[in-house]
Amino acid sequence: MTLAAAFKSSKLISWKSTGRLQQTVAGCIERTGNTLHSGEVSTVKLWPELAGKGRYFDFRSNLIPASVDFAEESPLCTTLHKDGFRIRTVEHLISALEAAGVDNCRIEMQNLDPKVCEVEVPIFDGSASEWVKAIEQVGLKVATDQRGNSCEKMAPYVNEPVHVWRKDSFVAAFPSQKVHITYGIDFPQVHAIGCQWFSSAPLDSYFYSEQIASSRTFCVYEQPCRWSKCVILGS
């Protein structure tokens, strides 16, 4: 059993009905763009899916659930891995789907090289804004199962405080009836960033699209310099 699975099944979490029905996208969404890490071009298609199927990636008929259970450690991006296939830089897309209320969706991935067993989600402007706009344009609909029945949306509730530490970073969660987020970042070596704090009102799709979706990926100057030196030394 993975750590994520153990956490989900522990007494720390209770799964409860949200009082809402599961949703999916109302039509196909297709976007093509350059990727951040590989520099290649990839295409993503979001397809409506049946209730209860969840969100998952489809790369050459290999299905990888968009779940922490399939996440692997990778530098400066979130990567999902299953049966030798990898989907990289999924964080902005999955964030937008969750915030918009897309509970079920087949995410079809395409790249130009049929021999490569990994693909990356396009980076666009480095934020989730492009995905939020695309979902808003096509809209949502109630997801139904194969028999045409709708299903309730379930959500996890924290029963007692929990926290995780790693080096100088931590995440803590506390029981609450509504989702509030407080986030801090400290980059003393980058004066343009420095120490910043952000606190949200009760989190909903509107607040997300207006205040969070535009948050962009960044890196410090030394990081790409180290990568380029490694490439030169290894070539």
C-alpha atoms as a PDB file:
ATOM      1  CA  MET A   1       0.000   0.000   0.000  1.00  0.00           C
ATOM      2  CA  THR A   2       1.345   3.461  -0.936  1.00  0.00           C
ATOM      3  CA  LEU A   3       1.598   6.316   1.553  1.00  0.00           C
ATOM      4  CA  ALA A   4      -1.213   8.130  -0.262  1.00  0.00           C
ATOM      5  CA  ALA A   5      -3.465   5.059  -0.102  1.00  0.00           C
ATOM      6  CA  ALA A   6      -2.703   4.586   3.591  1.00  0.00           C
ATOM      7  CA  PHE A   7      -3.548   8.223   4.282  1.00  0.00           C
ATOM      8  CA  LYS A   8      -6.839   7.974   2.373  1.00  0.00           C
ATOM      9  CA  SER A   9      -7.891   4.876   4.306  1.00  0.00           C
ATOM     10  CA  SER A  10      -6.845   6.198   7.727  1.00  0.00           C
ATOM     11  CA  LYS A  11      -9.095   7.708  10.381  1.00  0.00           C
ATOM     12  CA  LEU A  12      -7.672  11.137   9.538  1.00  0.00           C
ATOM     13  CA  ILE A  13      -9.951  11.341   6.492  1.00  0.00           C
ATOM     14  CA  SER A  14     -13.712  10.952   6.098  1.00  0.00           C
ATOM     15  CA  TRP A  15     -15.350  10.849   2.688  1.00  0.00           C
ATOM     16  CA  LYS A  16     -18.662  12.694   2.621  1.00  0.00           C
ATOM     17  CA  SER A  17     -21.188  13.781   0.024  1.00  0.00           C
ATOM     18  CA  THR A  18     -20.863  17.397  -1.113  1.00  0.00           C
ATOM     19  CA  GLY A  19     -24.549  17.619  -2.002  1.00  0.00           C
ATOM     20  CA  ARG A  20     -23.613  18.132  -5.656  1.00  0.00           C
ATOM     21  CA  LEU A  21     -23.626  15.857  -8.681  1.00  0.00           C
ATOM     22  CA  GLN A  22     -20.483  14.747 -10.509  1.00  0.00           C
ATOM     23  CA  GLN A  23     -19.678  16.777 -13.619  1.00  0.00           C
ATOM     24  CA  THR A  24     -17.707  16.466 -16.831  1.00  0.00           C
ATOM     25  CA  VAL A  25     -16.821  18.796 -19.700  1.00  0.00           C
ATOM     26  CA  ALA A  26     -19.709  19.514 -22.082  1.00  0.00           C
ATOM     27  CA  GLY A  27     -17.590  18.928 -25.189  1.00  0.00           C
ATOM     28  CA  CYS A  28     -14.091  18.221 -26.451  1.00  0.00           C
ATOM     29  CA  ILE A  29     -11.315  20.698 -25.648  1.00  0.00           C
ATOM     30  CA  GLU A  30      -8.141  20.610 -27.749  1.00  0.00           C
ATOM     31  CA  ARG A  31      -4.987  22.621 -27.155  1.00  0.00           C
ATOM     32  CA  THR A  32      -1.501  22.357 -28.725  1.00  0.00           C
ATOM     33  CA  GLY A  33       1.646  24.062 -27.516  1.00  0.00           C
ATOM     34  CA  ASN A  34       5.319  23.895 -26.634  1.00  0.00           C
ATOM     35  CA  THR A  35       6.404  22.033 -23.525  1.00  0.00           C
ATOM     36  CA  LEU A  36       8.638  23.456 -20.810  1.00  0.00           C
ATOM     37  CA  HIS A  37      11.224  20.770 -20.097  1.00  0.00           C
ATOM     38  CA  SER A  38      11.565  18.915 -23.402  1.00  0.00           C
ATOM     39  CA  GLY A  39      10.840  21.874 -25.693  1.00  0.00           C
ATOM     40  CA  GLU A  40       8.724  19.616 -27.905  1.00  0.00           C
ATOM     41  CA  VAL A  41       5.194  20.245 -29.184  1.00  0.00           C
ATOM     42  CA  SER A  42       2.342  18.232 -27.702  1.00  0.00           C
ATOM     43  CA  THR A  43      -1.436  18.164 -28.062  1.00  0.00           C
ATOM     44  CA  VAL A  44      -3.975  17.629 -25.288  1.00  0.00           C
ATOM     45  CA  LYS A  45      -7.619  16.703 -25.849  1.00  0.00           C
ATOM     46  CA  LEU A  46     -10.086  16.727 -22.968  1.00  0.00           C
ATOM     47  CA  TRP A  47     -13.057  14.420 -23.569  1.00  0.00           C
ATOM     48  CA  PRO A  48     -16.315  14.041 -21.600  1.00  0.00           C
ATOM     49  CA  GLU A  49     -16.336  10.918 -19.432  1.00  0.00           C
ATOM     50  CA  LEU A  50     -18.909   8.817 -17.558  1.00  0.00           C
ATOM     51  CA  ALA A  51     -19.656   9.397 -13.885  1.00  0.00           C
ATOM     52  CA  GLY A  52     -17.379   7.415 -11.607  1.00  0.00           C
ATOM     53  CA  LYS A  53     -14.548   7.162 -14.145  1.00  0.00           C
ATOM     54  CA  GLY A  54     -12.599  10.057 -12.649  1.00  0.00           C
ATOM     55  CA  ARG A  55      -9.856  12.024 -14.376  1.00  0.00           C
ATOM     56  CA  TYR A  56      -7.215  10.035 -16.233  1.00  0.00           C
ATOM     57  CA  PHE A  57      -4.625  10.406 -19.001  1.00  0.00           C
ATOM     58  CA  ASP A  58      -4.755   8.353 -22.191  1.00  0.00           C
ATOM     59  CA  PHE A  59      -1.361   8.141 -23.916  1.00  0.00           C
ATOM     60  CA  ARG A  60      -1.304   5.665 -26.815  1.00  0.00           C
ATOM     61  CA  SER A  61      -4.105   3.665 -25.166  1.00  0.00           C
ATOM     62  CA  ASN A  62      -2.148   3.505 -21.889  1.00  0.00           C
ATOM     63  CA  LEU A  63      -4.355   4.829 -19.093  1.00  0.00           C
ATOM     64  CA  ILE A  64      -2.791   6.687 -16.151  1.00  0.00           C
ATOM     65  CA  PRO A  65      -5.140   8.002 -13.428  1.00  0.00           C
ATOM     66  CA  ALA A  66      -4.587  11.628 -12.452  1.00  0.00           C
ATOM     67  CA  SER A  67      -3.897  10.533  -8.889  1.00  0.00           C
ATOM     68  CA  VAL A  68      -1.138  11.047  -6.334  1.00  0.00           C
ATOM     69  CA  ASP A  69      -0.862   7.249  -6.228  1.00  0.00           C
ATOM     70  CA  PHE A  70       0.946   7.414  -9.598  1.00  0.00           C
ATOM     71  CA  ALA A  71       3.107  10.473  -8.917  1.00  0.00           C
ATOM     72  CA  GLU A  72       6.876  10.056  -8.948  1.00  0.00           C
ATOM     73  CA  GLU A  73       9.565  12.412  -7.771  1.00  0.00           C
ATOM     74  CA  SER A  74      10.797  14.622 -10.601  1.00  0.00           C
ATOM     75  CA  PRO A  75      12.615  17.984 -10.694  1.00  0.00           C
ATOM     76  CA  LEU A  76      10.526  21.137 -11.075  1.00  0.00           C
ATOM     77  CA  CYS A  77       7.341  19.439 -12.295  1.00  0.00           C
ATOM     78  CA  THR A  78       4.721  16.863 -11.332  1.00  0.00           C
ATOM     79  CA  THR A  79       5.064  13.566 -13.213  1.00  0.00           C
ATOM     80  CA  LEU A  80       2.657  10.619 -13.347  1.00  0.00           C
ATOM     81  CA  HIS A  81       4.088   7.175 -14.116  1.00  0.00           C
ATOM     82  CA  LYS A  82       2.504   3.796 -14.872  1.00  0.00           C
ATOM     83  CA  ASP A  83       3.748   0.710 -16.756  1.00  0.00           C
ATOM     84  CA  GLY A  84       6.748   2.527 -18.235  1.00  0.00           C
ATOM     85  CA  PHE A  85       4.779   5.538 -19.529  1.00  0.00           C
ATOM     86  CA  ARG A  86       5.105   9.049 -18.096  1.00  0.00           C
ATOM     87  CA  ILE A  87       2.999  12.200 -18.274  1.00  0.00           C
ATOM     88  CA  ARG A  88       4.994  15.255 -17.202  1.00  0.00           C
ATOM     89  CA  THR A  89       4.097  18.776 -16.009  1.00  0.00           C
ATOM     90  CA  VAL A  90       0.487  17.902 -15.225  1.00  0.00           C
ATOM     91  CA  GLU A  91       0.079  20.305 -12.291  1.00  0.00           C
ATOM     92  CA  HIS A  92      -1.593  23.267 -13.997  1.00  0.00           C
ATOM     93  CA  LEU A  93      -4.069  21.155 -15.968  1.00  0.00           C
ATOM     94  CA  ILE A  94      -5.142  19.029 -12.991  1.00  0.00           C
ATOM     95  CA  SER A  95      -5.411  22.140 -10.806  1.00  0.00           C
ATOM     96  CA  ALA A  96      -7.755  23.792 -13.328  1.00  0.00           C
ATOM     97  CA  LEU A  97      -9.910  20.651 -13.676  1.00  0.00           C
ATOM     98  CA  GLU A  98     -10.283  20.316  -9.908  1.00  0.00           C
ATOM     99  CA  ALA A  99     -11.091  24.001  -9.368  1.00  0.00           C
ATOM    100  CA  ALA A 100     -13.603  24.063 -12.232  1.00  0.00           C
ATOM    101  CA  GLY A 101     -15.419  21.014 -10.863  1.00  0.00           C
ATOM    102  CA  VAL A 102     -14.529  18.566 -13.641  1.00  0.00           C
ATOM    103  CA  ASP A 103     -14.797  15.260 -11.775  1.00  0.00           C
ATOM    104  CA  ASN A 104     -14.625  12.954 -14.804  1.00  0.00           C
ATOM    105  CA  CYS A 105     -12.495  13.499 -17.893  1.00  0.00           C
ATOM    106  CA  ARG A 106     -10.396  11.512 -20.366  1.00  0.00           C
ATOM    107  CA  ILE A 107      -7.223  13.463 -21.114  1.00  0.00           C
ATOM    108  CA  GLU A 108      -5.801  12.288 -24.424  1.00  0.00           C
ATOM    109  CA  MET A 109      -2.110  13.087 -24.935  1.00  0.00           C
ATOM    110  CA  GLN A 110      -0.282  13.206 -28.269  1.00  0.00           C
ATOM    111  CA  ASN A 111       3.311  13.990 -29.206  1.00  0.00           C
ATOM    112  CA  LEU A 112       5.271  13.967 -32.458  1.00  0.00           C
ATOM    113  CA  ASP A 113       7.698  11.135 -31.658  1.00  0.00           C
ATOM    114  CA  PRO A 114       6.030   7.695 -31.638  1.00  0.00           C
ATOM    115  CA  LYS A 115       9.132   6.077 -30.095  1.00  0.00           C
ATOM    116  CA  VAL A 116       9.158   8.139 -26.885  1.00  0.00           C
ATOM    117  CA  CYS A 117       7.298   6.669 -23.900  1.00  0.00           C
ATOM    118  CA  GLU A 118       6.709   9.987 -22.171  1.00  0.00           C
ATOM    119  CA  VAL A 119       4.809  13.136 -23.041  1.00  0.00           C
ATOM    120  CA  GLU A 120       4.518  16.552 -21.461  1.00  0.00           C
ATOM    121  CA  VAL A 121       1.551  18.892 -21.070  1.00  0.00           C
ATOM    122  CA  PRO A 122       2.102  22.231 -22.901  1.00  0.00           C
ATOM    123  CA  ILE A 123       3.209  25.058 -20.635  1.00  0.00           C
ATOM    124  CA  PHE A 124       1.490  27.997 -22.434  1.00  0.00           C
ATOM    125  CA  ASP A 125       2.122  31.108 -20.287  1.00  0.00           C
ATOM    126  CA  GLY A 126       3.327  29.087 -17.303  1.00  0.00           C
ATOM    127  CA  SER A 127       0.015  29.163 -15.451  1.00  0.00           C
ATOM    128  CA  ALA A 128      -3.376  27.410 -15.361  1.00  0.00           C
ATOM    129  CA  SER A 129      -5.161  30.345 -17.035  1.00  0.00           C
ATOM    130  CA  GLU A 130      -5.316  28.786 -20.518  1.00  0.00           C
ATOM    131  CA  TRP A 131      -7.022  25.678 -19.149  1.00  0.00           C
ATOM    132  CA  VAL A 132      -9.486  27.710 -17.083  1.00  0.00           C
ATOM    133  CA  LYS A 133     -10.479  29.731 -20.164  1.00  0.00           C
ATOM    134  CA  ALA A 134     -10.836  26.587 -22.285  1.00  0.00           C
ATOM    135  CA  ILE A 135     -13.094  24.894 -19.716  1.00  0.00           C
ATOM    136  CA  GLU A 136     -15.215  28.020 -19.338  1.00  0.00           C
ATOM    137  CA  GLN A 137     -15.659  28.224 -23.118  1.00  0.00           C
ATOM    138  CA  VAL A 138     -16.964  24.674 -23.542  1.00  0.00           C
ATOM    139  CA  GLY A 139     -18.814  24.538 -20.215  1.00  0.00           C
ATOM    140  CA  LEU A 140     -19.750  21.639 -17.946  1.00  0.00           C
ATOM    141  CA  LYS A 141     -22.570  19.130 -17.792  1.00  0.00           C
ATOM    142  CA  VAL A 142     -23.779  16.567 -15.252  1.00  0.00           C
ATOM    143  CA  ALA A 143     -21.919  13.282 -15.732  1.00  0.00           C
ATOM    144  CA  THR A 144     -24.000  10.116 -15.923  1.00  0.00           C
ATOM    145  CA  ASP A 145     -23.044   6.452 -15.816  1.00  0.00           C
ATOM    146  CA  GLN A 146     -23.677   3.860 -18.542  1.00  0.00           C
ATOM    147  CA  ARG A 147     -27.299   3.565 -17.430  1.00  0.00           C
ATOM    148  CA  GLY A 148     -27.843   7.311 -17.587  1.00  0.00           C
ATOM    149  CA  ASN A 149     -27.855   7.795 -13.813  1.00  0.00           C
ATOM    150  CA  SER A 150     -26.148  10.715 -12.112  1.00  0.00           C
ATOM    151  CA  CYS A 151     -23.851  10.215  -9.104  1.00  0.00           C
ATOM    152  CA  GLU A 152     -23.115  12.270  -6.023  1.00  0.00           C
ATOM    153  CA  LYS A 153     -19.765  13.991  -5.726  1.00  0.00           C
ATOM    154  CA  MET A 154     -17.770  12.827  -2.702  1.00  0.00           C
ATOM    155  CA  ALA A 155     -14.992  14.823  -1.042  1.00  0.00           C
ATOM    156  CA  PRO A 156     -12.451  14.112   1.712  1.00  0.00           C
ATOM    157  CA  TYR A 157     -12.757  15.894   5.056  1.00  0.00           C
ATOM    158  CA  VAL A 158      -9.885  16.154   7.533  1.00  0.00           C
ATOM    159  CA  ASN A 159     -10.928  14.879  10.965  1.00  0.00           C
ATOM    160  CA  GLU A 160      -7.933  16.219  12.887  1.00  0.00           C
ATOM    161  CA  PRO A 161      -4.872  18.385  12.160  1.00  0.00           C
ATOM    162  CA  VAL A 162      -2.210  16.777   9.985  1.00  0.00           C
ATOM    163  CA  HIS A 163       1.125  18.067   8.711  1.00  0.00           C
ATOM    164  CA  VAL A 164       4.034  16.955   6.539  1.00  0.00           C
ATOM    165  CA  TRP A 165       7.603  18.348   6.653  1.00  0.00           C
ATOM    166  CA  ARG A 166      10.407  18.084   4.124  1.00  0.00           C
ATOM    167  CA  LYS A 167      13.623  20.063   4.681  1.00  0.00           C
ATOM    168  CA  ASP A 168      12.463  23.684   5.134  1.00  0.00           C
ATOM    169  CA  SER A 169       8.992  23.214   3.605  1.00  0.00           C
ATOM    170  CA  PHE A 170       5.780  22.038   5.212  1.00  0.00           C
ATOM    171  CA  VAL A 171       2.071  21.564   4.542  1.00  0.00           C
ATOM    172  CA  ALA A 172      -0.532  21.536   7.314  1.00  0.00           C
ATOM    173  CA  ALA A 173      -4.272  20.865   7.084  1.00  0.00           C
ATOM    174  CA  PHE A 174      -6.932  21.565   9.703  1.00  0.00           C
ATOM    175  CA  PRO A 175     -10.602  20.550   9.942  1.00  0.00           C
ATOM    176  CA  SER A 176     -12.928  23.121   8.363  1.00  0.00           C
ATOM    177  CA  GLN A 177     -16.344  23.227   6.727  1.00  0.00           C
ATOM    178  CA  LYS A 178     -14.947  25.290   3.851  1.00  0.00           C
ATOM    179  CA  VAL A 179     -11.618  25.305   2.029  1.00  0.00           C
ATOM    180  CA  HIS A 180      -9.296  28.178   2.955  1.00  0.00           C
ATOM    181  CA  ILE A 181      -5.697  28.381   1.778  1.00  0.00           C
ATOM    182  CA  THR A 182      -2.803  30.251   3.392  1.00  0.00           C
ATOM    183  CA  TYR A 183       0.474  30.011   1.493  1.00  0.00           C
ATOM    184  CA  GLY A 184       3.907  31.458   2.110  1.00  0.00           C
ATOM    185  CA  ILE A 185       7.060  31.518   0.003  1.00  0.00           C
ATOM    186  CA  ASP A 186      10.532  32.823   0.820  1.00  0.00           C
ATOM    187  CA  PHE A 187      13.236  33.288  -1.822  1.00  0.00           C
ATOM    188  CA  PRO A 188      15.746  35.672  -0.205  1.00  0.00           C
ATOM    189  CA  GLN A 189      18.173  35.166  -3.101  1.00  0.00           C
ATOM    190  CA  VAL A 190      15.574  36.615  -5.533  1.00  0.00           C
ATOM    191  CA  HIS A 191      14.631  40.164  -4.508  1.00  0.00           C
ATOM    192  CA  ALA A 192      11.694  40.285  -6.933  1.00  0.00           C
ATOM    193  CA  ILE A 193      10.072  37.429  -5.001  1.00  0.00           C
ATOM    194  CA  GLY A 194      11.435  37.625  -1.464  1.00  0.00           C
ATOM    195  CA  CYS A 195       9.006  36.612   1.289  1.00  0.00           C
ATOM    196  CA  GLN A 196       5.329  36.660   0.339  1.00  0.00           C
ATOM    197  CA  TRP A 197       2.098  35.389   1.917  1.00  0.00           C
ATOM    198  CA  PHE A 198      -1.285  34.764   0.371  1.00  0.00           C
ATOM    199  CA  SER A 199      -4.596  33.921   2.070  1.00  0.00           C
ATOM    200  CA  SER A 200      -7.784  33.040   0.247  1.00  0.00           C
ATOM    201  CA  ALA A 201     -11.420  33.640   0.972  1.00  0.00           C
ATOM    202  CA  PRO A 202     -13.518  30.424   0.896  1.00  0.00           C
ATOM    203  CA  LEU A 203     -12.158  28.741  -2.226  1.00  0.00           C
ATOM    204  CA  ASP A 204     -14.535  28.425  -5.181  1.00  0.00           C
ATOM    205  CA  SER A 205     -14.176  28.387  -8.969  1.00  0.00           C
ATOM    206  CA  TYR A 206     -14.571  32.178  -9.268  1.00  0.00           C
ATOM    207  CA  PHE A 207     -11.913  32.961  -6.670  1.00  0.00           C
ATOM    208  CA  TYR A 208      -9.616  30.396  -8.265  1.00  0.00           C
ATOM    209  CA  SER A 209      -9.973  31.828 -11.785  1.00  0.00           C
ATOM    210  CA  GLU A 210      -9.497  35.408 -10.586  1.00  0.00           C
ATOM    211  CA  GLN A 211      -6.765  35.026  -7.951  1.00  0.00           C
ATOM    212  CA  ILE A 212      -4.954  31.689  -8.323  1.00  0.00           C
ATOM    213  CA  ALA A 213      -5.075  30.434 -11.922  1.00  0.00           C
ATOM    214  CA  SER A 214      -2.731  33.156 -13.183  1.00  0.00           C
ATOM    215  CA  SER A 215       0.079  32.123 -10.790  1.00  0.00           C
ATOM    216  CA  ARG A 216       3.025  31.278 -13.016  1.00  0.00           C
ATOM    217  CA  THR A 217       5.890  28.812 -12.929  1.00  0.00           C
ATOM    218  CA  PHE A 218       9.279  30.419 -12.296  1.00  0.00           C
ATOM    219  CA  CYS A 219      12.864  29.407 -11.642  1.00  0.00           C
ATOM    220  CA  VAL A 220      15.970  31.219 -10.491  1.00  0.00           C
ATOM    221  CA  TYR A 221      18.748  32.086 -12.925  1.00  0.00           C
ATOM    222  CA  GLU A 222      21.198  29.537 -11.524  1.00  0.00           C
ATOM    223  CA  GLN A 223      18.912  26.589 -12.291  1.00  0.00           C
ATOM    224  CA  PRO A 224      18.872  26.806 -16.117  1.00  0.00           C
ATOM    225  CA  CYS A 225      22.561  27.715 -16.027  1.00  0.00           C
ATOM    226  CA  ARG A 226      23.325  24.453 -14.193  1.00  0.00           C
ATOM    227  CA  TRP A 227      21.225  22.496 -16.705  1.00  0.00           C
ATOM    228  CA  SER A 228      23.027  24.030 -19.688  1.00  0.00           C
ATOM    229  CA  LYS A 229      26.441  23.260 -18.141  1.00  0.00           C
ATOM    230  CA  CYS A 230      25.396  19.643 -17.623  1.00  0.00           C
ATOM    231  CA  VAL A 231      24.355  19.385 -21.248  1.00  0.00           C
ATOM    232  CA  ILE A 232      27.624  20.875 -22.443  1.00  0.00           C
ATOM    233  CA  LEU A 233      29.719  18.628 -20.215  1.00  0.00           C
ATOM    234  CA  GLY A 234      27.753  15.565 -21.240  1.00  0.00           C
ATOM    235  CA  SER A 235      27.800  16.224 -24.973  1.00  0.00           C
END
